PDB file of N, CA and C in Angstrom:
ATOM      1  N   MET A   1     -29.875  18.949 -17.203  1.00  0.00           N
ATOM      2  CA  MET A   1     -28.982  18.243 -18.081  1.00  0.00           C
ATOM      3  C   MET A   1     -27.961  17.431 -17.294  1.00  0.00           C
ATOM      4  N   GLY A   2     -27.475  17.959 -16.173  1.00  0.00           N
ATOM      5  CA  GLY A   2     -26.447  17.270 -15.416  1.00  0.00           C
ATOM      6  C   GLY A   2     -27.002  16.340 -14.354  1.00  0.00           C
ATOM      7  N   ALA A   3     -28.339  16.245 -14.241  1.00  0.00           N
ATOM      8  CA  ALA A   3     -28.947  15.425 -13.190  1.00  0.00           C
ATOM      9  C   ALA A   3     -28.884  13.947 -13.560  1.00  0.00           C
ATOM     10  N   LEU A   4     -28.654  13.121 -12.557  1.00  0.00           N
ATOM     11  CA  LEU A   4     -28.649  11.682 -12.749  1.00  0.00           C
ATOM     12  C   LEU A   4     -30.081  11.183 -12.637  1.00  0.00           C
ATOM     13  N   LYS A   5     -30.538  10.487 -13.603  1.00  0.00           N
ATOM     14  CA  LYS A   5     -31.893   9.958 -13.601  1.00  0.00           C
ATOM     15  C   LYS A   5     -31.830   8.476 -13.227  1.00  0.00           C
ATOM     16  N   PRO A   6     -32.944   7.904 -12.786  1.00  0.00           N
ATOM     17  CA  PRO A   6     -32.933   6.497 -12.367  1.00  0.00           C
ATOM     18  C   PRO A   6     -32.452   5.538 -13.455  1.00  0.00           C
ATOM     19  N   TRP A   7     -32.759   5.810 -14.710  1.00  0.00           N
ATOM     20  CA  TRP A   7     -32.313   4.896 -15.758  1.00  0.00           C
ATOM     21  C   TRP A   7     -30.807   4.983 -15.966  1.00  0.00           C
ATOM     22  N   HIS A   8     -30.181   6.151 -15.648  1.00  0.00           N
ATOM     23  CA  HIS A   8     -28.725   6.257 -15.708  1.00  0.00           C
ATOM     24  C   HIS A   8     -28.084   5.304 -14.694  1.00  0.00           C
ATOM     25  N   ILE A   9     -28.643   5.295 -13.491  1.00  0.00           N
ATOM     26  CA  ILE A   9     -28.110   4.428 -12.435  1.00  0.00           C
ATOM     27  C   ILE A   9     -28.295   2.961 -12.815  1.00  0.00           C
ATOM     28  N   ALA A  10     -29.452   2.635 -13.403  1.00  0.00           N
ATOM     29  CA  ALA A  10     -29.711   1.259 -13.803  1.00  0.00           C
ATOM     30  C   ALA A  10     -28.719   0.799 -14.870  1.00  0.00           C
ATOM     31  N   VAL A  11     -28.428   1.646 -15.831  1.00  0.00           N
ATOM     32  CA  VAL A  11     -27.465   1.297 -16.877  1.00  0.00           C
ATOM     33  C   VAL A  11     -26.074   1.116 -16.264  1.00  0.00           C
ATOM     34  N   LEU A  12     -25.718   1.982 -15.336  1.00  0.00           N
ATOM     35  CA  LEU A  12     -24.417   1.869 -14.671  1.00  0.00           C
ATOM     36  C   LEU A  12     -24.301   0.555 -13.899  1.00  0.00           C
ATOM     37  N   VAL A  13     -25.350   0.171 -13.187  1.00  0.00           N
ATOM     38  CA  VAL A  13     -25.338  -1.076 -12.429  1.00  0.00           C
ATOM     39  C   VAL A  13     -25.210  -2.275 -13.371  1.00  0.00           C
ATOM     40  N   VAL A  14     -25.944  -2.259 -14.471  1.00  0.00           N
ATOM     41  CA  VAL A  14     -25.861  -3.358 -15.438  1.00  0.00           C
ATOM     42  C   VAL A  14     -24.454  -3.458 -16.018  1.00  0.00           C
ATOM     43  N   LEU A  15     -23.842  -2.338 -16.345  1.00  0.00           N
ATOM     44  CA  LEU A  15     -22.483  -2.351 -16.877  1.00  0.00           C
ATOM     45  C   LEU A  15     -21.479  -2.895 -15.858  1.00  0.00           C
ATOM     46  N   LEU A  16     -21.632  -2.489 -14.597  1.00  0.00           N
ATOM     47  CA  LEU A  16     -20.727  -2.984 -13.564  1.00  0.00           C
ATOM     48  C   LEU A  16     -20.856  -4.491 -13.386  1.00  0.00           C
ATOM     49  N   VAL A  17     -22.090  -4.987 -13.413  1.00  0.00           N
ATOM     50  CA  VAL A  17     -22.295  -6.436 -13.268  1.00  0.00           C
ATOM     51  C   VAL A  17     -21.703  -7.172 -14.461  1.00  0.00           C
ATOM     52  N   LEU A  18     -21.855  -6.614 -15.656  1.00  0.00           N
ATOM     53  CA  LEU A  18     -21.294  -7.265 -16.842  1.00  0.00           C
ATOM     54  C   LEU A  18     -19.772  -7.249 -16.826  1.00  0.00           C
ATOM     55  N   LEU A  19     -19.182  -6.144 -16.386  1.00  0.00           N
ATOM     56  CA  LEU A  19     -17.724  -6.027 -16.383  1.00  0.00           C
ATOM     57  C   LEU A  19     -17.072  -6.890 -15.299  1.00  0.00           C
ATOM     58  N   PHE A  20     -17.587  -6.826 -14.087  1.00  0.00           N
ATOM     59  CA  PHE A  20     -16.905  -7.468 -12.969  1.00  0.00           C
ATOM     60  C   PHE A  20     -17.538  -8.782 -12.548  1.00  0.00           C
ATOM     61  N   GLY A  21     -18.776  -9.016 -12.887  1.00  0.00           N
ATOM     62  CA  GLY A  21     -19.446 -10.244 -12.470  1.00  0.00           C
ATOM     63  C   GLY A  21     -20.110 -10.065 -11.130  1.00  0.00           C
ATOM     64  N   ALA A  22     -21.177 -10.787 -10.929  1.00  0.00           N
ATOM     65  CA  ALA A  22     -21.964 -10.643  -9.699  1.00  0.00           C
ATOM     66  C   ALA A  22     -21.207 -11.147  -8.474  1.00  0.00           C
ATOM     67  N   LYS A  23     -20.302 -12.075  -8.645  1.00  0.00           N
ATOM     68  CA  LYS A  23     -19.566 -12.628  -7.499  1.00  0.00           C
ATOM     69  C   LYS A  23     -18.499 -11.672  -6.990  1.00  0.00           C
ATOM     70  N   ARG A  24     -17.912 -10.883  -7.863  1.00  0.00           N
ATOM     71  CA  ARG A  24     -16.786 -10.034  -7.463  1.00  0.00           C
ATOM     72  C   ARG A  24     -17.234  -8.685  -6.924  1.00  0.00           C
ATOM     73  N   LEU A  25     -18.434  -8.232  -7.248  1.00  0.00           N
ATOM     74  CA  LEU A  25     -18.883  -6.917  -6.801  1.00  0.00           C
ATOM     75  C   LEU A  25     -18.985  -6.809  -5.274  1.00  0.00           C
ATOM     76  N   PRO A  26     -19.572  -7.776  -4.548  1.00  0.00           N
ATOM     77  CA  PRO A  26     -19.599  -7.642  -3.080  1.00  0.00           C
ATOM     78  C   PRO A  26     -18.196  -7.611  -2.469  1.00  0.00           C
ATOM     79  N   ASP A  27     -17.287  -8.405  -3.007  1.00  0.00           N
ATOM     80  CA  ASP A  27     -15.912  -8.391  -2.487  1.00  0.00           C
ATOM     81  C   ASP A  27     -15.243  -7.048  -2.732  1.00  0.00           C
ATOM     82  N   ALA A  28     -15.488  -6.470  -3.902  1.00  0.00           N
ATOM     83  CA  ALA A  28     -14.908  -5.165  -4.212  1.00  0.00           C
ATOM     84  C   ALA A  28     -15.477  -4.094  -3.298  1.00  0.00           C
ATOM     85  N   ALA A  29     -16.782  -4.136  -3.046  1.00  0.00           N
ATOM     86  CA  ALA A  29     -17.401  -3.158  -2.148  1.00  0.00           C
ATOM     87  C   ALA A  29     -16.872  -3.319  -0.728  1.00  0.00           C
ATOM     88  N   ARG A  30     -16.686  -4.566  -0.287  1.00  0.00           N
ATOM     89  CA  ARG A  30     -16.170  -4.822   1.048  1.00  0.00           C
ATOM     90  C   ARG A  30     -14.749  -4.296   1.195  1.00  0.00           C
ATOM     91  N   SER A  31     -13.914  -4.530   0.207  1.00  0.00           N
ATOM     92  CA  SER A  31     -12.524  -4.058   0.293  1.00  0.00           C
ATOM     93  C   SER A  31     -12.457  -2.540   0.213  1.00  0.00           C
ATOM     94  N   LEU A  32     -13.349  -1.939  -0.548  1.00  0.00           N
ATOM     95  CA  LEU A  32     -13.402  -0.469  -0.600  1.00  0.00           C
ATOM     96  C   LEU A  32     -13.796   0.092   0.758  1.00  0.00           C
ATOM     97  N   GLY A  33     -14.761  -0.537   1.414  1.00  0.00           N
ATOM     98  CA  GLY A  33     -15.170  -0.096   2.749  1.00  0.00           C
ATOM     99  C   GLY A  33     -14.045  -0.218   3.752  1.00  0.00           C
ATOM    100  N   ARG A  34     -13.308  -1.317   3.688  1.00  0.00           N
ATOM    101  CA  ARG A  34     -12.169  -1.499   4.603  1.00  0.00           C
ATOM    102  C   ARG A  34     -11.107  -0.430   4.368  1.00  0.00           C
ATOM    103  N   SER A  35     -10.843  -0.149   3.113  1.00  0.00           N
ATOM    104  CA  SER A  35      -9.834   0.865   2.791  1.00  0.00           C
ATOM    105  C   SER A  35     -10.254   2.230   3.307  1.00  0.00           C
ATOM    106  N   LEU A  36     -11.530   2.564   3.142  1.00  0.00           N
ATOM    107  CA  LEU A  36     -12.009   3.855   3.639  1.00  0.00           C
ATOM    108  C   LEU A  36     -11.925   3.929   5.160  1.00  0.00           C
ATOM    109  N   ARG A  37     -12.226   2.823   5.854  1.00  0.00           N
ATOM    110  CA  ARG A  37     -12.107   2.817   7.314  1.00  0.00           C
ATOM    111  C   ARG A  37     -10.659   3.008   7.743  1.00  0.00           C
ATOM    112  N   ILE A  38      -9.725   2.386   7.042  1.00  0.00           N
ATOM    113  CA  ILE A  38      -8.305   2.533   7.372  1.00  0.00           C
ATOM    114  C   ILE A  38      -7.860   3.968   7.160  1.00  0.00           C
ATOM    115  N   ILE A  39      -8.262   4.562   6.042  1.00  0.00           N
ATOM    116  CA  ILE A  39      -7.894   5.952   5.765  1.00  0.00           C
ATOM    117  C   ILE A  39      -8.462   6.871   6.824  1.00  0.00           C
ATOM    118  N   LYS A  40      -9.718   6.622   7.223  1.00  0.00           N
ATOM    119  CA  LYS A  40     -10.358   7.458   8.243  1.00  0.00           C
ATOM    120  C   LYS A  40      -9.608   7.343   9.571  1.00  0.00           C
ATOM    121  N   ALA A  41      -9.230   6.128   9.947  1.00  0.00           N
ATOM    122  CA  ALA A  41      -8.509   5.934  11.211  1.00  0.00           C
ATOM    123  C   ALA A  41      -7.137   6.594  11.170  1.00  0.00           C
ATOM    124  N   GLU A  42      -6.453   6.493  10.033  1.00  0.00           N
ATOM    125  CA  GLU A  42      -5.127   7.107   9.926  1.00  0.00           C
ATOM    126  C   GLU A  42      -5.201   8.629   9.970  1.00  0.00           C
ATOM    127  N   THR A  43      -6.175   9.217   9.289  1.00  0.00           N
ATOM    128  CA  THR A  43      -6.288  10.674   9.322  1.00  0.00           C
ATOM    129  C   THR A  43      -6.687  11.150  10.714  1.00  0.00           C
ATOM    130  N   LYS A  44      -7.538  10.379  11.406  1.00  0.00           N
ATOM    131  CA  LYS A  44      -7.900  10.737  12.776  1.00  0.00           C
ATOM    132  C   LYS A  44      -6.669  10.643  13.675  1.00  0.00           C
ATOM    133  N   GLY A  45      -5.839   9.629  13.446  1.00  0.00           N
ATOM    134  CA  GLY A  45      -4.613   9.487  14.221  1.00  0.00           C
ATOM    135  C   GLY A  45      -3.652  10.635  13.986  1.00  0.00           C
ATOM    136  N   LEU A  46      -3.568  11.099  12.746  1.00  0.00           N
ATOM    137  CA  LEU A  46      -2.699  12.240  12.456  1.00  0.00           C
ATOM    138  C   LEU A  46      -3.198  13.503  13.138  1.00  0.00           C
ATOM    139  N   VAL A  47      -4.505  13.705  13.151  1.00  0.00           N
ATOM    140  CA  VAL A  47      -5.077  14.888  13.801  1.00  0.00           C
ATOM    141  C   VAL A  47      -4.853  14.804  15.302  1.00  0.00           C
ATOM    142  N   ASP A  48      -5.034  13.609  15.884  1.00  0.00           N
ATOM    143  CA  ASP A  48      -4.833  13.435  17.325  1.00  0.00           C
ATOM    144  C   ASP A  48      -3.373  13.628  17.707  1.00  0.00           C
ATOM    145  N   ASP A  49      -2.436  13.218  16.862  1.00  0.00           N
ATOM    146  CA  ASP A  49      -1.019  13.378  17.163  1.00  0.00           C
ATOM    147  C   ASP A  49      -0.616  14.845  17.219  1.00  0.00           C
ATOM    148  N   GLY A  50      -1.239  15.664  16.439  1.00  0.00           N
ATOM    149  CA  GLY A  50      -0.878  17.073  16.391  1.00  0.00           C
ATOM    150  C   GLY A  50      -1.454  17.895  17.521  1.00  0.00           C
ATOM    151  N   LYS A  51      -2.380  17.341  18.310  1.00  0.00           N
ATOM    152  CA  LYS A  51      -3.062  18.134  19.335  1.00  0.00           C
ATOM    153  C   LYS A  51      -2.223  18.355  20.584  1.00  0.00           C
ATOM    154  N   THR A  52      -1.521  17.346  21.062  1.00  0.00           N
ATOM    155  CA  THR A  52      -0.809  17.481  22.331  1.00  0.00           C
ATOM    156  C   THR A  52       0.677  17.242  22.136  1.00  0.00           C
ATOM    157  N   ASP A  53       1.461  18.105  22.747  1.00  0.00           N
ATOM    158  CA  ASP A  53       2.913  17.945  22.713  1.00  0.00           C
ATOM    159  C   ASP A  53       3.379  16.981  23.798  1.00  0.00           C
ATOM    160  N   ASP A  54       2.554  16.766  24.842  1.00  0.00           N
ATOM    161  CA  ASP A  54       2.927  15.840  25.914  1.00  0.00           C
ATOM    162  C   ASP A  54       3.016  14.415  25.379  1.00  0.00           C
ATOM    163  N   ASP A  55       2.085  14.052  24.512  1.00  0.00           N
ATOM    164  CA  ASP A  55       2.110  12.709  23.929  1.00  0.00           C
ATOM    165  C   ASP A  55       3.374  12.512  23.091  1.00  0.00           C
ATOM    166  N   LEU A  56       3.758  13.559  22.363  1.00  0.00           N
ATOM    167  CA  LEU A  56       4.965  13.462  21.552  1.00  0.00           C
ATOM    168  C   LEU A  56       6.199  13.294  22.415  1.00  0.00           C
ATOM    169  N   ALA A  57       6.236  13.991  23.545  1.00  0.00           N
ATOM    170  CA  ALA A  57       7.378  13.867  24.449  1.00  0.00           C
ATOM    171  C   ALA A  57       7.456  12.452  25.018  1.00  0.00           C
ATOM    172  N   GLU A  58       6.306  11.869  25.365  1.00  0.00           N
ATOM    173  CA  GLU A  58       6.290  10.507  25.892  1.00  0.00           C
ATOM    174  C   GLU A  58       6.765   9.513  24.831  1.00  0.00           C
ATOM    175  N   LYS A  59       6.311   9.698  23.597  1.00  0.00           N
ATOM    176  CA  LYS A  59       6.737   8.812  22.515  1.00  0.00           C
ATOM    177  C   LYS A  59       8.236   8.942  22.262  1.00  0.00           C
ATOM    178  N   ALA A  60       8.753  10.168  22.355  1.00  0.00           N
ATOM    179  CA  ALA A  60      10.182  10.384  22.135  1.00  0.00           C
ATOM    180  C   ALA A  60      10.994   9.712  23.235  1.00  0.00           C
ATOM    181  N   ASP A  61      10.507   9.772  24.488  1.00  0.00           N
ATOM    182  CA  ASP A  61      11.211   9.116  25.579  1.00  0.00           C
ATOM    183  C   ASP A  61      11.220   7.604  25.390  1.00  0.00           C
ATOM    184  N   ALA A  62      10.116   7.064  24.932  1.00  0.00           N
ATOM    185  CA  ALA A  62      10.042   5.622  24.704  1.00  0.00           C
ATOM    186  C   ALA A  62      10.984   5.207  23.574  1.00  0.00           C
ATOM    187  N   GLN A  63      11.085   6.033  22.549  1.00  0.00           N
ATOM    188  CA  GLN A  63      11.973   5.723  21.431  1.00  0.00           C
ATOM    189  C   GLN A  63      13.432   5.805  21.859  1.00  0.00           C
ATOM    190  N   ALA A  64      13.762   6.733  22.782  1.00  0.00           N
ATOM    191  CA  ALA A  64      15.148   6.908  23.201  1.00  0.00           C
ATOM    192  C   ALA A  64      15.645   5.716  24.009  1.00  0.00           C
ATOM    193  N   GLY A  65      14.753   4.990  24.660  1.00  0.00           N
ATOM    194  CA  GLY A  65      15.148   3.850  25.482  1.00  0.00           C
ATOM    195  C   GLY A  65      15.469   2.610  24.686  1.00  0.00           C
ATOM    196  N   ARG A  66      15.185   2.595  23.447  1.00  0.00           N
ATOM    197  CA  ARG A  66      15.420   1.416  22.621  1.00  0.00           C
ATOM    198  C   ARG A  66      16.876   1.363  22.166  1.00  0.00           C
ATOM    199  N   GLN A  67      17.366   0.136  22.074  1.00  0.00           N
ATOM    200  CA  GLN A  67      18.722  -0.079  21.596  1.00  0.00           C
ATOM    201  C   GLN A  67      18.652  -0.693  20.197  1.00  0.00           C
ATOM    202  N   PRO A  68      19.522  -0.291  19.287  1.00  0.00           N
ATOM    203  CA  PRO A  68      19.490  -0.895  17.951  1.00  0.00           C
ATOM    204  C   PRO A  68      19.988  -2.334  17.997  1.00  0.00           C
ATOM    205  N   LEU A  69      19.511  -3.133  17.084  1.00  0.00           N
ATOM    206  CA  LEU A  69      19.965  -4.506  16.983  1.00  0.00           C
ATOM    207  C   LEU A  69      21.408  -4.538  16.499  1.00  0.00           C
ATOM    208  N   PRO A  70      22.196  -5.506  16.982  1.00  0.00           N
ATOM    209  CA  PRO A  70      23.585  -5.589  16.511  1.00  0.00           C
ATOM    210  C   PRO A  70      23.610  -5.974  15.035  1.00  0.00           C
ATOM    211  N   GLN A  71      24.516  -5.364  14.328  1.00  0.00           N
ATOM    212  CA  GLN A  71      24.648  -5.616  12.900  1.00  0.00           C
ATOM    213  C   GLN A  71      25.445  -6.899  12.682  1.00  0.00           C
ATOM    214  N   GLN A  72      24.925  -7.761  11.827  1.00  0.00           N
ATOM    215  CA  GLN A  72      25.626  -8.981  11.460  1.00  0.00           C
ATOM    216  C   GLN A  72      26.445  -8.687  10.211  1.00  0.00           C
ATOM    217  N   PRO A  73      27.696  -9.149  10.175  1.00  0.00           N
ATOM    218  CA  PRO A  73      28.487  -8.916   8.968  1.00  0.00           C
ATOM    219  C   PRO A  73      27.879  -9.681   7.784  1.00  0.00           C
ATOM    220  N   VAL A  74      27.816  -9.022   6.663  1.00  0.00           N
ATOM    221  CA  VAL A  74      27.240  -9.623   5.469  1.00  0.00           C
ATOM    222  C   VAL A  74      28.359 -10.198   4.625  1.00  0.00           C
ATOM    223  N   GLN A  75      28.227 -11.466   4.310  1.00  0.00           N
ATOM    224  CA  GLN A  75      29.224 -12.138   3.489  1.00  0.00           C
ATOM    225  C   GLN A  75      28.813 -11.983   2.031  1.00  0.00           C
ATOM    226  N   GLN A  76      29.591 -11.239   1.290  1.00  0.00           N
ATOM    227  CA  GLN A  76      29.287 -11.049  -0.125  1.00  0.00           C
ATOM    228  C   GLN A  76      30.373 -11.701  -0.954  1.00  0.00           C
ATOM    229  N   THR A  77      29.938 -12.448  -1.938  1.00  0.00           N
ATOM    230  CA  THR A  77      30.893 -13.034  -2.864  1.00  0.00           C
ATOM    231  C   THR A  77      30.929 -12.150  -4.100  1.00  0.00           C
ATOM    232  N   PRO A  78      32.109 -11.868  -4.593  1.00  0.00           N
ATOM    233  CA  PRO A  78      32.194 -11.016  -5.778  1.00  0.00           C
ATOM    234  C   PRO A  78      31.620 -11.748  -6.986  1.00  0.00           C
ATOM    235  N   PRO A  79      31.008 -11.028  -7.898  1.00  0.00           N
ATOM    236  CA  PRO A  79      30.468 -11.696  -9.091  1.00  0.00           C
ATOM    237  C   PRO A  79      31.606 -12.230  -9.947  1.00  0.00           C
ATOM    238  N   PRO A  80      31.364 -13.327 -10.644  1.00  0.00           N
ATOM    239  CA  PRO A  80      32.427 -13.889 -11.476  1.00  0.00           C
ATOM    240  C   PRO A  80      32.757 -12.946 -12.632  1.00  0.00           C
ATOM    241  N   VAL A  81      34.021 -12.914 -12.977  1.00  0.00           N
ATOM    242  CA  VAL A  81      34.474 -12.068 -14.072  1.00  0.00           C
ATOM    243  C   VAL A  81      34.197 -12.797 -15.383  1.00  0.00           C
ATOM    244  N   VAL A  82      33.448 -12.141 -16.264  1.00  0.00           N
ATOM    245  CA  VAL A  82      33.080 -12.745 -17.542  1.00  0.00           C
ATOM    246  C   VAL A  82      33.646 -11.877 -18.651  1.00  0.00           C
ATOM    247  N   ASP A  83      34.340 -12.518 -19.553  1.00  0.00           N
ATOM    248  CA  ASP A  83      34.893 -11.817 -20.701  1.00  0.00           C
ATOM    249  C   ASP A  83      33.754 -11.531 -21.680  1.00  0.00           C
ATOM    250  N   PRO A  84      33.522 -10.259 -22.056  1.00  0.00           N
ATOM    251  CA  PRO A  84      32.419  -9.937 -22.967  1.00  0.00           C
ATOM    252  C   PRO A  84      32.533 -10.644 -24.318  1.00  0.00           C
ATOM    253  N   VAL A  85      33.749 -10.834 -24.799  1.00  0.00           N
ATOM    254  CA  VAL A  85      33.926 -11.494 -26.090  1.00  0.00           C
ATOM    255  C   VAL A  85      33.521 -12.955 -25.980  1.00  0.00           C
ATOM    256  N   GLN A  86      33.953 -13.615 -24.920  1.00  0.00           N
ATOM    257  CA  GLN A  86      33.599 -15.015 -24.724  1.00  0.00           C
ATOM    258  C   GLN A  86      32.099 -15.169 -24.526  1.00  0.00           C
ATOM    259  N   ARG A  87      31.490 -14.209 -23.817  1.00  0.00           N
ATOM    260  CA  ARG A  87      30.043 -14.252 -23.577  1.00  0.00           C
ATOM    261  C   ARG A  87      29.279 -14.148 -24.887  1.00  0.00           C
ATOM    262  N   SER A  88      29.726 -13.263 -25.805  1.00  0.00           N
ATOM    263  CA  SER A  88      29.033 -13.123 -27.070  1.00  0.00           C
ATOM    264  C   SER A  88      29.209 -14.385 -27.923  1.00  0.00           C
ATOM    265  N   ARG A  89      30.335 -15.059 -27.780  1.00  0.00           N
ATOM    266  CA  ARG A  89      30.551 -16.304 -28.540  1.00  0.00           C
ATOM    267  C   ARG A  89      29.652 -17.416 -28.009  1.00  0.00           C
ATOM    268  N   ASP A  90      29.413 -17.420 -26.677  1.00  0.00           N
ATOM    269  CA  ASP A  90      28.565 -18.436 -26.083  1.00  0.00           C
ATOM    270  C   ASP A  90      27.111 -18.280 -26.518  1.00  0.00           C
ATOM    271  N   VAL A  91      26.688 -17.067 -26.744  1.00  0.00           N
ATOM    272  CA  VAL A  91      25.293 -16.802 -27.122  1.00  0.00           C
ATOM    273  C   VAL A  91      25.042 -17.297 -28.533  1.00  0.00           C
ATOM    274  N   ILE A  92      26.022 -17.141 -29.401  1.00  0.00           N
ATOM    275  CA  ILE A  92      25.866 -17.542 -30.806  1.00  0.00           C
ATOM    276  C   ILE A  92      25.965 -18.997 -30.906  1.00  0.00           C
TER     277      ILE A  92
END
């Protein structure tokens, strides 16, 4: 009862082509593949980061050598004061 039969797959393919169009399906499959590759690389990177503490120490030393950028003063102008009564009269 729960098995997928060949005609089930054929109906699914026909529905996908009708919904998305034949031109968009290859692009969607390509972007899905790229996303899966990115996820795989990121999870592999997370696993590799957790294996050695020496790498973490080197990264921490590199981060400590950096200097923050100087902060530029931000010029903010105060918003204009609007009388609520006058504003409601302008709308009408």
